[in-house]
Every structure is written in C-alpha cells, then in structure tokens.
Amino acid sequence: MGNVSPVQRIPLRHPPSDIRHFGATLALLLVLAFGKTASAAEAKPVAEDPALEERVTAVATELRCLVCQNQTLADSHAPLAIDLRNQIRERMRAGATERDIVDFMVARYGDFVLYRPPLKATTVLLWAGPLLLMAIGLGALYYRLSRRREPQPQDLSDAERERAATLLDVGSDRKPR
C-alpha cells in the first residue's frame, strides 16, 4: 500500500497526434492567408516597354548607389537610387544614350558614382589602396617577427643555486598525497 500514488491520471481529451494536426493546419492557413498579401505587394516594372527597362537596368548596374555605396543603382532600394533610376528612364525616353547618361552622372557626382571607376590620377588610391594596405600589414608582421628573440637562459648566482637546492630538498621530503 505504501507504493500506491494518490494522484490519478486523467486521460487527454485529444491525443497528441490530433493536436499536431491542428497546429500544422493552422500554420498552413496562416501561410496561405499572409502569403497572398506579401506577393500582392511585389513591384511591377515601371516602364511598359521591356526594352527600355532593360537599357535602364544595364546603365543602373554600371552606377553606384550614393546612399548604400556597396550596391549598384539596380540593386539598391534606397529612395535616392529609385529617383536616379527614374531620372535615367526619363533621359532615355527623351533620347539620351547610355554614354550620355553616364557622362551626366559623372559630371554631377564625380567618378565615385561609377561602380568601376577608371584608373587615373584621382582614383589611383582606390585601385592601389588594398594592395598598399596589404603590403604595410605584411611589412609590419615581418618587422614584428624578426625582432623576436629566443629567450636566453640566465645564469644563477651561488646564493640562488643554494636557495633552489634547499627548496628542492624540502620538497622531496614530503609524502605524495
């Protein structure tokens, strides 16, 4: 009688498999309900002319986003990038060529707006900078490693030898635990 538990187990009203099925059904319904909302907000092409849109994208991939700086205008979703793409589109509708648009952007924002700036006196640091930094880093590492020396053993004085010997003798009298 001492091993009998006074607490009685009450069976579940719904087996765990039914609960899992309900959870999966609820998750599926939520995905379907909110999935349609998200897909309805996808951007539609701004231009009805696919050839024009292709030309706009080609020019936008050559220009840097001035806000993001590590993305092209075609990849960026910044408001300034959208405005610049719209400007490109309007200039193309007006008859400007790709070269005219790139020249306009360079005149307005400088070589920085080009995603691949040309090699010239003002941009040489952009091209040589990473190599220069790597050379400086390797030079500093070589200098630091060449200055390292092996530790030289120091000779002990007679007093230090006697003290070390007494410490070692005292340590050998103890019993190991």
C-alpha atoms as a PDB file:
ATOM      1  CA  MET A   1       0.000   0.000   0.000  1.00  0.00           C
ATOM      2  CA  GLY A   2       2.925   2.363   0.506  1.00  0.00           C
ATOM      3  CA  ASN A   3       3.750   2.464  -3.218  1.00  0.00           C
ATOM      4  CA  VAL A   4       0.303   3.452  -4.452  1.00  0.00           C
ATOM      5  CA  SER A   5       0.103   7.027  -5.704  1.00  0.00           C
ATOM      6  CA  PRO A   6      -2.887   9.043  -4.533  1.00  0.00           C
ATOM      7  CA  VAL A   7      -2.889  11.052  -7.793  1.00  0.00           C
ATOM      8  CA  GLN A   8      -4.945   9.553 -10.571  1.00  0.00           C
ATOM      9  CA  ARG A   9      -4.022  10.087 -14.222  1.00  0.00           C
ATOM     10  CA  ILE A  10      -6.696  11.755 -16.292  1.00  0.00           C
ATOM     11  CA  PRO A  11      -6.578  10.747 -19.966  1.00  0.00           C
ATOM     12  CA  LEU A  12      -6.205  13.538 -22.537  1.00  0.00           C
ATOM     13  CA  ARG A  13      -9.331  14.588 -24.363  1.00  0.00           C
ATOM     14  CA  HIS A  14      -7.382  14.812 -27.638  1.00  0.00           C
ATOM     15  CA  PRO A  15      -4.446  12.590 -28.462  1.00  0.00           C
ATOM     16  CA  PRO A  16      -1.134  14.366 -29.292  1.00  0.00           C
ATOM     17  CA  SER A  17      -1.450  13.422 -32.969  1.00  0.00           C
ATOM     18  CA  ASP A  18      -4.696  15.435 -33.220  1.00  0.00           C
ATOM     19  CA  ILE A  19      -3.043  18.448 -31.571  1.00  0.00           C
ATOM     20  CA  ARG A  20      -0.099  18.275 -34.008  1.00  0.00           C
ATOM     21  CA  HIS A  21      -2.517  18.002 -36.937  1.00  0.00           C
ATOM     22  CA  PHE A  22      -4.414  21.082 -35.733  1.00  0.00           C
ATOM     23  CA  GLY A  23      -1.152  23.047 -35.357  1.00  0.00           C
ATOM     24  CA  ALA A  24       0.034  22.111 -38.843  1.00  0.00           C
ATOM     25  CA  THR A  25      -3.347  23.058 -40.329  1.00  0.00           C
ATOM     26  CA  LEU A  26      -3.298  26.412 -38.520  1.00  0.00           C
ATOM     27  CA  ALA A  27       0.259  27.137 -39.747  1.00  0.00           C
ATOM     28  CA  LEU A  28      -0.729  26.286 -43.323  1.00  0.00           C
ATOM     29  CA  LEU A  29      -3.752  28.582 -43.152  1.00  0.00           C
ATOM     30  CA  LEU A  30      -1.606  31.447 -41.812  1.00  0.00           C
ATOM     31  CA  VAL A  31       0.952  30.991 -44.587  1.00  0.00           C
ATOM     32  CA  LEU A  32      -1.758  30.950 -47.219  1.00  0.00           C
ATOM     33  CA  ALA A  33      -3.522  33.990 -45.736  1.00  0.00           C
ATOM     34  CA  PHE A  34      -0.434  36.172 -45.343  1.00  0.00           C
ATOM     35  CA  GLY A  35       1.460  34.745 -48.304  1.00  0.00           C
ATOM     36  CA  LYS A  36      -1.029  36.228 -50.757  1.00  0.00           C
ATOM     37  CA  THR A  37      -0.736  39.629 -49.077  1.00  0.00           C
ATOM     38  CA  ALA A  38       3.050  39.603 -49.392  1.00  0.00           C
ATOM     39  CA  SER A  39       3.028  38.511 -53.016  1.00  0.00           C
ATOM     40  CA  ALA A  40       0.473  41.163 -53.922  1.00  0.00           C
ATOM     41  CA  ALA A  41       2.939  43.879 -52.858  1.00  0.00           C
ATOM     42  CA  GLU A  42       5.661  42.837 -55.300  1.00  0.00           C
ATOM     43  CA  ALA A  43       6.943  45.609 -57.521  1.00  0.00           C
ATOM     44  CA  LYS A  44       5.745  45.786 -61.074  1.00  0.00           C
ATOM     45  CA  PRO A  45       8.003  47.110 -63.822  1.00  0.00           C
ATOM     46  CA  VAL A  46       7.869  50.889 -64.005  1.00  0.00           C
ATOM     47  CA  ALA A  47       8.125  51.048 -67.786  1.00  0.00           C
ATOM     48  CA  GLU A  48       5.691  49.330 -70.054  1.00  0.00           C
ATOM     49  CA  ASP A  49       8.475  48.950 -72.605  1.00  0.00           C
ATOM     50  CA  PRO A  50      10.662  45.945 -71.647  1.00  0.00           C
ATOM     51  CA  ALA A  51      13.462  47.087 -73.995  1.00  0.00           C
ATOM     52  CA  LEU A  52      13.637  50.457 -72.226  1.00  0.00           C
ATOM     53  CA  GLU A  53      13.610  48.759 -68.836  1.00  0.00           C
ATOM     54  CA  GLU A  54      16.467  46.510 -69.952  1.00  0.00           C
ATOM     55  CA  ARG A  55      18.519  49.544 -71.020  1.00  0.00           C
ATOM     56  CA  VAL A  56      17.777  51.295 -67.714  1.00  0.00           C
ATOM     57  CA  THR A  57      18.940  48.228 -65.799  1.00  0.00           C
ATOM     58  CA  ALA A  58      22.116  47.995 -67.897  1.00  0.00           C
ATOM     59  CA  VAL A  59      23.053  51.594 -67.088  1.00  0.00           C
ATOM     60  CA  ALA A  60      21.995  51.251 -63.434  1.00  0.00           C
ATOM     61  CA  THR A  61      24.348  48.283 -62.967  1.00  0.00           C
ATOM     62  CA  GLU A  62      27.266  50.492 -64.017  1.00  0.00           C
ATOM     63  CA  LEU A  63      26.455  53.198 -61.445  1.00  0.00           C
ATOM     64  CA  ARG A  64      26.963  53.080 -57.665  1.00  0.00           C
ATOM     65  CA  CYS A  65      24.207  53.868 -55.198  1.00  0.00           C
ATOM     66  CA  LEU A  66      25.290  57.040 -53.435  1.00  0.00           C
ATOM     67  CA  VAL A  67      23.496  56.008 -50.229  1.00  0.00           C
ATOM     68  CA  CYS A  68      24.471  52.326 -49.974  1.00  0.00           C
ATOM     69  CA  GLN A  69      27.883  52.711 -51.658  1.00  0.00           C
ATOM     70  CA  ASN A  70      28.410  48.966 -51.936  1.00  0.00           C
ATOM     71  CA  GLN A  71      25.489  48.318 -54.284  1.00  0.00           C
ATOM     72  CA  THR A  72      24.679  49.307 -57.802  1.00  0.00           C
ATOM     73  CA  LEU A  73      21.715  51.531 -58.554  1.00  0.00           C
ATOM     74  CA  ALA A  74      19.947  48.487 -59.983  1.00  0.00           C
ATOM     75  CA  ASP A  75      20.334  46.534 -56.709  1.00  0.00           C
ATOM     76  CA  SER A  76      19.576  49.328 -54.244  1.00  0.00           C
ATOM     77  CA  HIS A  77      16.149  50.093 -52.815  1.00  0.00           C
ATOM     78  CA  ALA A  78      17.176  53.446 -51.312  1.00  0.00           C
ATOM     79  CA  PRO A  79      14.886  56.361 -52.243  1.00  0.00           C
ATOM     80  CA  LEU A  80      17.773  58.194 -53.934  1.00  0.00           C
ATOM     81  CA  ALA A  81      18.559  55.111 -56.052  1.00  0.00           C
ATOM     82  CA  ILE A  82      14.917  54.886 -57.127  1.00  0.00           C
ATOM     83  CA  ASP A  83      14.974  58.577 -58.058  1.00  0.00           C
ATOM     84  CA  LEU A  84      18.186  58.151 -60.048  1.00  0.00           C
ATOM     85  CA  ARG A  85      16.742  55.138 -61.899  1.00  0.00           C
ATOM     86  CA  ASN A  86      13.663  57.220 -62.722  1.00  0.00           C
ATOM     87  CA  GLN A  87      15.943  60.000 -63.974  1.00  0.00           C
ATOM     88  CA  ILE A  88      17.787  57.509 -66.165  1.00  0.00           C
ATOM     89  CA  ARG A  89      14.463  56.249 -67.522  1.00  0.00           C
ATOM     90  CA  GLU A  90      13.241  59.784 -68.305  1.00  0.00           C
ATOM     91  CA  ARG A  91      16.510  60.706 -70.037  1.00  0.00           C
ATOM     92  CA  MET A  92      16.314  57.541 -72.156  1.00  0.00           C
ATOM     93  CA  ARG A  93      12.733  58.348 -73.138  1.00  0.00           C
ATOM     94  CA  ALA A  94      13.979  61.788 -74.174  1.00  0.00           C
ATOM     95  CA  GLY A  95      16.513  60.140 -76.481  1.00  0.00           C
ATOM     96  CA  ALA A  96      19.747  60.201 -74.436  1.00  0.00           C
ATOM     97  CA  THR A  97      22.226  57.377 -74.997  1.00  0.00           C
ATOM     98  CA  GLU A  98      23.759  55.252 -72.266  1.00  0.00           C
ATOM     99  CA  ARG A  99      27.079  57.118 -72.656  1.00  0.00           C
ATOM    100  CA  ASP A 100      25.283  60.496 -72.299  1.00  0.00           C
ATOM    101  CA  ILE A 101      23.618  59.368 -69.083  1.00  0.00           C
ATOM    102  CA  VAL A 102      26.849  58.018 -67.574  1.00  0.00           C
ATOM    103  CA  ASP A 103      28.663  61.230 -68.513  1.00  0.00           C
ATOM    104  CA  PHE A 104      25.876  63.292 -66.918  1.00  0.00           C
ATOM    105  CA  MET A 105      26.077  61.289 -63.688  1.00  0.00           C
ATOM    106  CA  VAL A 106      29.887  61.555 -63.579  1.00  0.00           C
ATOM    107  CA  ALA A 107      29.697  65.313 -64.195  1.00  0.00           C
ATOM    108  CA  ARG A 108      27.158  65.653 -61.410  1.00  0.00           C
ATOM    109  CA  TYR A 109      28.538  63.228 -58.775  1.00  0.00           C
ATOM    110  CA  GLY A 110      32.150  62.607 -59.842  1.00  0.00           C
ATOM    111  CA  ASP A 111      33.929  59.322 -60.564  1.00  0.00           C
ATOM    112  CA  PHE A 112      32.613  57.962 -57.276  1.00  0.00           C
ATOM    113  CA  VAL A 113      29.240  57.274 -58.911  1.00  0.00           C
ATOM    114  CA  LEU A 114      30.858  54.754 -61.272  1.00  0.00           C
ATOM    115  CA  TYR A 115      30.754  51.243 -59.869  1.00  0.00           C
ATOM    116  CA  ARG A 116      34.077  50.518 -61.622  1.00  0.00           C
ATOM    117  CA  PRO A 117      35.930  53.837 -61.619  1.00  0.00           C
ATOM    118  CA  PRO A 118      38.584  54.345 -64.326  1.00  0.00           C
ATOM    119  CA  LEU A 119      42.255  54.265 -63.418  1.00  0.00           C
ATOM    120  CA  LYS A 120      43.520  57.839 -63.394  1.00  0.00           C
ATOM    121  CA  ALA A 121      45.402  60.151 -61.039  1.00  0.00           C
ATOM    122  CA  THR A 122      42.373  60.928 -58.870  1.00  0.00           C
ATOM    123  CA  THR A 123      41.341  57.278 -58.476  1.00  0.00           C
ATOM    124  CA  VAL A 124      44.739  55.598 -58.144  1.00  0.00           C
ATOM    125  CA  LEU A 125      44.249  55.276 -54.378  1.00  0.00           C
ATOM    126  CA  LEU A 126      41.010  53.341 -54.960  1.00  0.00           C
ATOM    127  CA  TRP A 127      42.883  50.819 -57.085  1.00  0.00           C
ATOM    128  CA  ALA A 128      46.184  50.673 -55.184  1.00  0.00           C
ATOM    129  CA  GLY A 129      44.766  51.129 -51.674  1.00  0.00           C
ATOM    130  CA  PRO A 130      44.067  47.454 -50.887  1.00  0.00           C
ATOM    131  CA  LEU A 131      47.484  46.368 -52.182  1.00  0.00           C
ATOM    132  CA  LEU A 132      49.179  49.176 -50.255  1.00  0.00           C
ATOM    133  CA  LEU A 133      47.411  48.209 -47.022  1.00  0.00           C
ATOM    134  CA  MET A 134      48.332  44.552 -47.512  1.00  0.00           C
ATOM    135  CA  ALA A 135      51.998  45.466 -48.124  1.00  0.00           C
ATOM    136  CA  ILE A 136      52.057  47.623 -44.981  1.00  0.00           C
ATOM    137  CA  GLY A 137      50.482  44.811 -42.955  1.00  0.00           C
ATOM    138  CA  LEU A 138      52.942  42.214 -44.239  1.00  0.00           C
ATOM    139  CA  GLY A 139      55.859  44.605 -43.568  1.00  0.00           C
ATOM    140  CA  ALA A 140      54.673  45.192 -40.002  1.00  0.00           C
ATOM    141  CA  LEU A 141      54.284  41.446 -39.461  1.00  0.00           C
ATOM    142  CA  TYR A 142      57.773  40.750 -40.819  1.00  0.00           C
ATOM    143  CA  TYR A 143      59.261  43.516 -38.634  1.00  0.00           C
ATOM    144  CA  ARG A 144      57.465  42.181 -35.533  1.00  0.00           C
ATOM    145  CA  LEU A 145      58.529  38.571 -36.162  1.00  0.00           C
ATOM    146  CA  SER A 146      62.130  39.483 -36.986  1.00  0.00           C
ATOM    147  CA  ARG A 147      62.508  41.356 -33.690  1.00  0.00           C
ATOM    148  CA  ARG A 148      61.503  38.325 -31.677  1.00  0.00           C
ATOM    149  CA  ARG A 149      64.410  36.633 -29.993  1.00  0.00           C
ATOM    150  CA  GLU A 150      64.794  33.304 -28.332  1.00  0.00           C
ATOM    151  CA  PRO A 151      64.888  33.675 -24.539  1.00  0.00           C
ATOM    152  CA  GLN A 152      68.458  33.341 -23.253  1.00  0.00           C
ATOM    153  CA  PRO A 153      68.952  31.106 -20.208  1.00  0.00           C
ATOM    154  CA  GLN A 154      70.117  33.170 -17.250  1.00  0.00           C
ATOM    155  CA  ASP A 155      72.923  32.016 -15.030  1.00  0.00           C
ATOM    156  CA  LEU A 156      72.074  31.796 -11.345  1.00  0.00           C
ATOM    157  CA  SER A 157      74.275  33.220  -8.678  1.00  0.00           C
ATOM    158  CA  ASP A 158      75.664  30.905  -5.966  1.00  0.00           C
ATOM    159  CA  ALA A 159      73.120  32.187  -3.441  1.00  0.00           C
ATOM    160  CA  GLU A 160      70.254  31.479  -5.841  1.00  0.00           C
ATOM    161  CA  ARG A 161      71.594  27.957  -6.518  1.00  0.00           C
ATOM    162  CA  GLU A 162      71.750  27.201  -2.750  1.00  0.00           C
ATOM    163  CA  ARG A 163      68.208  28.526  -2.227  1.00  0.00           C
ATOM    164  CA  ALA A 164      66.907  26.419  -5.153  1.00  0.00           C
ATOM    165  CA  ALA A 165      68.678  23.322  -3.799  1.00  0.00           C
ATOM    166  CA  THR A 166      67.156  23.798  -0.329  1.00  0.00           C
ATOM    167  CA  LEU A 167      63.710  24.294  -1.848  1.00  0.00           C
ATOM    168  CA  LEU A 168      64.117  21.127  -3.894  1.00  0.00           C
ATOM    169  CA  ASP A 169      65.371  19.161  -0.882  1.00  0.00           C
ATOM    170  CA  VAL A 170      62.470  20.326   1.270  1.00  0.00           C
ATOM    171  CA  GLY A 171      60.043  19.409  -1.478  1.00  0.00           C
ATOM    172  CA  SER A 172      61.433  15.849  -1.755  1.00  0.00           C
ATOM    173  CA  ASP A 173      60.851  15.137   1.982  1.00  0.00           C
ATOM    174  CA  ARG A 174      57.125  15.457   1.613  1.00  0.00           C
ATOM    175  CA  LYS A 175      54.979  12.415   1.037  1.00  0.00           C
ATOM    176  CA  PRO A 176      52.847  12.357  -2.122  1.00  0.00           C
ATOM    177  CA  ARG A 177      49.135  12.592  -1.468  1.00  0.00           C
END
